[in-house]
Amino acid sequence: MDTWTLMLGLLFSSIGMGYFIYGKRQSNLVALCSGLALMIYPYFIDNRYAALCIGVLLMALPKFIEI
C-alpha cells in the first residue's frame, strides 16, 4: 500500500462512519449500507484510482437511490 491509498482509505472510512450514523438515526437503509460499504471496502482495494472511483460512487449512492 502506498500513502495515497492509506489516505483515501482514511478519508472514505471517516465519511462512511458519518453515513452509517446518519442512516442509523434516520432509519435510512441506503445511507446505512453505503456507510458500511465505505468503511469496509478500503481493506480490499489496493489501486488508488479504483479506491477513489469506488469511494465517490458509494458516496453518491444515497443521493440517487431512495427506498
N, C-alpha and C. Protein backbone atom coordinates (compact mmCIF):
# COMPACT_ATOMS: atom_id res chain seq x y z
N MET A 1 0.84 -1.18 0.00
CA MET A 1 0.00 0.00 0.00
C MET A 1 0.89 1.24 0.00
N ASP A 2 0.46 2.23 -0.72
CA ASP A 2 1.19 3.49 -0.72
C ASP A 2 0.44 4.53 0.12
N THR A 3 1.02 5.68 0.25
CA THR A 3 0.45 6.73 1.10
C THR A 3 -0.91 7.20 0.60
N TRP A 4 -1.08 7.32 -0.73
CA TRP A 4 -2.35 7.77 -1.27
C TRP A 4 -3.48 6.82 -0.94
N THR A 5 -3.22 5.54 -1.05
CA THR A 5 -4.25 4.55 -0.76
C THR A 5 -4.63 4.60 0.72
N LEU A 6 -3.66 4.77 1.59
CA LEU A 6 -3.95 4.87 3.02
C LEU A 6 -4.77 6.12 3.34
N MET A 7 -4.41 7.24 2.73
CA MET A 7 -5.15 8.48 2.97
C MET A 7 -6.57 8.41 2.42
N LEU A 8 -6.73 7.83 1.24
CA LEU A 8 -8.07 7.67 0.68
C LEU A 8 -8.91 6.74 1.55
N GLY A 9 -8.29 5.69 2.06
CA GLY A 9 -9.00 4.79 2.97
C GLY A 9 -9.44 5.49 4.23
N LEU A 10 -8.58 6.32 4.79
CA LEU A 10 -8.93 7.08 5.99
C LEU A 10 -10.06 8.07 5.70
N LEU A 11 -9.96 8.76 4.58
CA LEU A 11 -10.98 9.74 4.21
C LEU A 11 -12.34 9.09 4.01
N PHE A 12 -12.39 8.05 3.18
CA PHE A 12 -13.66 7.42 2.88
C PHE A 12 -14.22 6.63 4.07
N SER A 13 -13.36 6.09 4.91
CA SER A 13 -13.85 5.42 6.12
C SER A 13 -14.47 6.43 7.09
N SER A 14 -13.89 7.62 7.18
CA SER A 14 -14.47 8.67 8.05
C SER A 14 -15.82 9.12 7.52
N ILE A 15 -15.91 9.31 6.23
CA ILE A 15 -17.18 9.70 5.62
C ILE A 15 -18.19 8.57 5.79
N GLY A 16 -17.73 7.33 5.66
CA GLY A 16 -18.60 6.18 5.85
C GLY A 16 -19.15 6.10 7.26
N MET A 17 -18.35 6.47 8.24
CA MET A 17 -18.83 6.49 9.62
C MET A 17 -19.95 7.50 9.78
N GLY A 18 -19.81 8.66 9.14
CA GLY A 18 -20.87 9.66 9.18
C GLY A 18 -22.14 9.18 8.49
N TYR A 19 -21.99 8.54 7.33
CA TYR A 19 -23.16 7.99 6.63
C TYR A 19 -23.84 6.92 7.47
N PHE A 20 -23.03 6.07 8.12
CA PHE A 20 -23.57 5.00 8.93
C PHE A 20 -24.38 5.54 10.11
N ILE A 21 -23.83 6.52 10.80
CA ILE A 21 -24.53 7.11 11.95
C ILE A 21 -25.80 7.81 11.48
N TYR A 22 -25.72 8.55 10.37
CA TYR A 22 -26.90 9.23 9.83
C TYR A 22 -27.97 8.22 9.43
N GLY A 23 -27.58 7.15 8.75
CA GLY A 23 -28.53 6.14 8.31
C GLY A 23 -29.19 5.43 9.47
N LYS A 24 -28.43 5.21 10.54
CA LYS A 24 -28.99 4.54 11.71
C LYS A 24 -29.98 5.44 12.44
N ARG A 25 -29.66 6.70 12.59
CA ARG A 25 -30.55 7.63 13.30
C ARG A 25 -31.80 7.98 12.51
N GLN A 26 -31.68 8.07 11.19
CA GLN A 26 -32.81 8.45 10.35
C GLN A 26 -33.55 7.24 9.78
N SER A 27 -33.11 6.04 10.10
CA SER A 27 -33.68 4.80 9.56
C SER A 27 -33.64 4.80 8.03
N ASN A 28 -32.53 5.26 7.49
CA ASN A 28 -32.32 5.31 6.04
C ASN A 28 -31.41 4.13 5.68
N LEU A 29 -32.00 3.10 5.06
CA LEU A 29 -31.27 1.88 4.77
C LEU A 29 -30.16 2.09 3.74
N VAL A 30 -30.38 2.95 2.75
CA VAL A 30 -29.38 3.18 1.72
C VAL A 30 -28.15 3.87 2.31
N ALA A 31 -28.34 4.87 3.13
CA ALA A 31 -27.22 5.56 3.77
C ALA A 31 -26.49 4.64 4.74
N LEU A 32 -27.22 3.80 5.44
CA LEU A 32 -26.62 2.87 6.38
C LEU A 32 -25.73 1.86 5.65
N CYS A 33 -26.23 1.26 4.59
CA CYS A 33 -25.45 0.28 3.82
C CYS A 33 -24.29 0.94 3.08
N SER A 34 -24.51 2.13 2.58
CA SER A 34 -23.44 2.86 1.89
C SER A 34 -22.32 3.21 2.87
N GLY A 35 -22.68 3.63 4.05
CA GLY A 35 -21.68 3.94 5.08
C GLY A 35 -20.89 2.71 5.48
N LEU A 36 -21.58 1.60 5.62
CA LEU A 36 -20.90 0.35 5.97
C LEU A 36 -19.94 -0.07 4.86
N ALA A 37 -20.37 0.06 3.62
CA ALA A 37 -19.52 -0.28 2.48
C ALA A 37 -18.32 0.66 2.39
N LEU A 38 -18.53 1.95 2.67
CA LEU A 38 -17.42 2.92 2.65
C LEU A 38 -16.39 2.60 3.73
N MET A 39 -16.82 2.06 4.85
CA MET A 39 -15.87 1.73 5.91
C MET A 39 -15.12 0.43 5.62
N ILE A 40 -15.70 -0.49 4.86
CA ILE A 40 -15.10 -1.80 4.66
C ILE A 40 -14.26 -1.90 3.39
N TYR A 41 -14.68 -1.28 2.30
CA TYR A 41 -14.03 -1.52 1.01
C TYR A 41 -12.54 -1.14 0.96
N PRO A 42 -12.03 -0.15 1.70
CA PRO A 42 -10.60 0.16 1.58
C PRO A 42 -9.67 -0.98 1.98
N TYR A 43 -10.18 -1.95 2.74
CA TYR A 43 -9.35 -3.09 3.13
C TYR A 43 -9.06 -4.02 1.95
N PHE A 44 -9.89 -3.97 0.92
CA PHE A 44 -9.79 -4.92 -0.19
C PHE A 44 -9.26 -4.32 -1.48
N ILE A 45 -9.15 -2.99 -1.58
CA ILE A 45 -8.73 -2.33 -2.81
C ILE A 45 -7.32 -1.76 -2.61
N ASP A 46 -6.40 -2.12 -3.50
CA ASP A 46 -5.03 -1.62 -3.41
C ASP A 46 -4.72 -0.52 -4.42
N ASN A 47 -5.48 -0.43 -5.47
CA ASN A 47 -5.24 0.56 -6.51
C ASN A 47 -5.87 1.89 -6.10
N ARG A 48 -5.10 2.97 -6.14
CA ARG A 48 -5.63 4.26 -5.67
C ARG A 48 -6.73 4.82 -6.56
N TYR A 49 -6.66 4.59 -7.86
CA TYR A 49 -7.70 5.09 -8.76
C TYR A 49 -9.00 4.32 -8.59
N ALA A 50 -8.90 3.03 -8.39
CA ALA A 50 -10.08 2.23 -8.13
C ALA A 50 -10.70 2.61 -6.79
N ALA A 51 -9.87 2.85 -5.79
CA ALA A 51 -10.37 3.25 -4.47
C ALA A 51 -11.08 4.60 -4.55
N LEU A 52 -10.53 5.51 -5.33
CA LEU A 52 -11.16 6.82 -5.50
C LEU A 52 -12.51 6.70 -6.22
N CYS A 53 -12.55 5.95 -7.29
CA CYS A 53 -13.80 5.78 -8.06
C CYS A 53 -14.87 5.09 -7.24
N ILE A 54 -14.52 4.02 -6.56
CA ILE A 54 -15.50 3.30 -5.75
C ILE A 54 -15.99 4.16 -4.60
N GLY A 55 -15.10 4.90 -3.97
CA GLY A 55 -15.50 5.78 -2.87
C GLY A 55 -16.46 6.87 -3.31
N VAL A 56 -16.19 7.48 -4.44
CA VAL A 56 -17.07 8.54 -4.95
C VAL A 56 -18.44 7.95 -5.32
N LEU A 57 -18.45 6.78 -5.94
CA LEU A 57 -19.72 6.14 -6.30
C LEU A 57 -20.53 5.77 -5.06
N LEU A 58 -19.87 5.24 -4.05
CA LEU A 58 -20.59 4.89 -2.82
C LEU A 58 -21.09 6.13 -2.08
N MET A 59 -20.35 7.23 -2.18
CA MET A 59 -20.81 8.46 -1.54
C MET A 59 -22.02 9.03 -2.26
N ALA A 60 -22.09 8.89 -3.59
CA ALA A 60 -23.18 9.44 -4.37
C ALA A 60 -24.42 8.55 -4.35
N LEU A 61 -24.27 7.31 -3.96
CA LEU A 61 -25.37 6.35 -3.99
C LEU A 61 -26.61 6.81 -3.22
N PRO A 62 -26.51 7.31 -1.99
CA PRO A 62 -27.72 7.73 -1.27
C PRO A 62 -28.42 8.94 -1.92
N LYS A 63 -27.72 9.71 -2.72
CA LYS A 63 -28.34 10.86 -3.38
C LYS A 63 -29.31 10.42 -4.48
N PHE A 64 -29.01 9.27 -5.12
CA PHE A 64 -29.77 8.85 -6.27
C PHE A 64 -30.74 7.71 -6.01
N ILE A 65 -30.56 6.98 -4.92
CA ILE A 65 -31.43 5.85 -4.61
C ILE A 65 -32.17 6.16 -3.31
N GLU A 66 -33.48 6.04 -3.36
CA GLU A 66 -34.30 6.21 -2.16
C GLU A 66 -35.20 4.99 -2.01
N ILE A 67 -35.22 4.43 -0.81
CA ILE A 67 -36.08 3.28 -0.56
C ILE A 67 -37.12 3.68 0.47
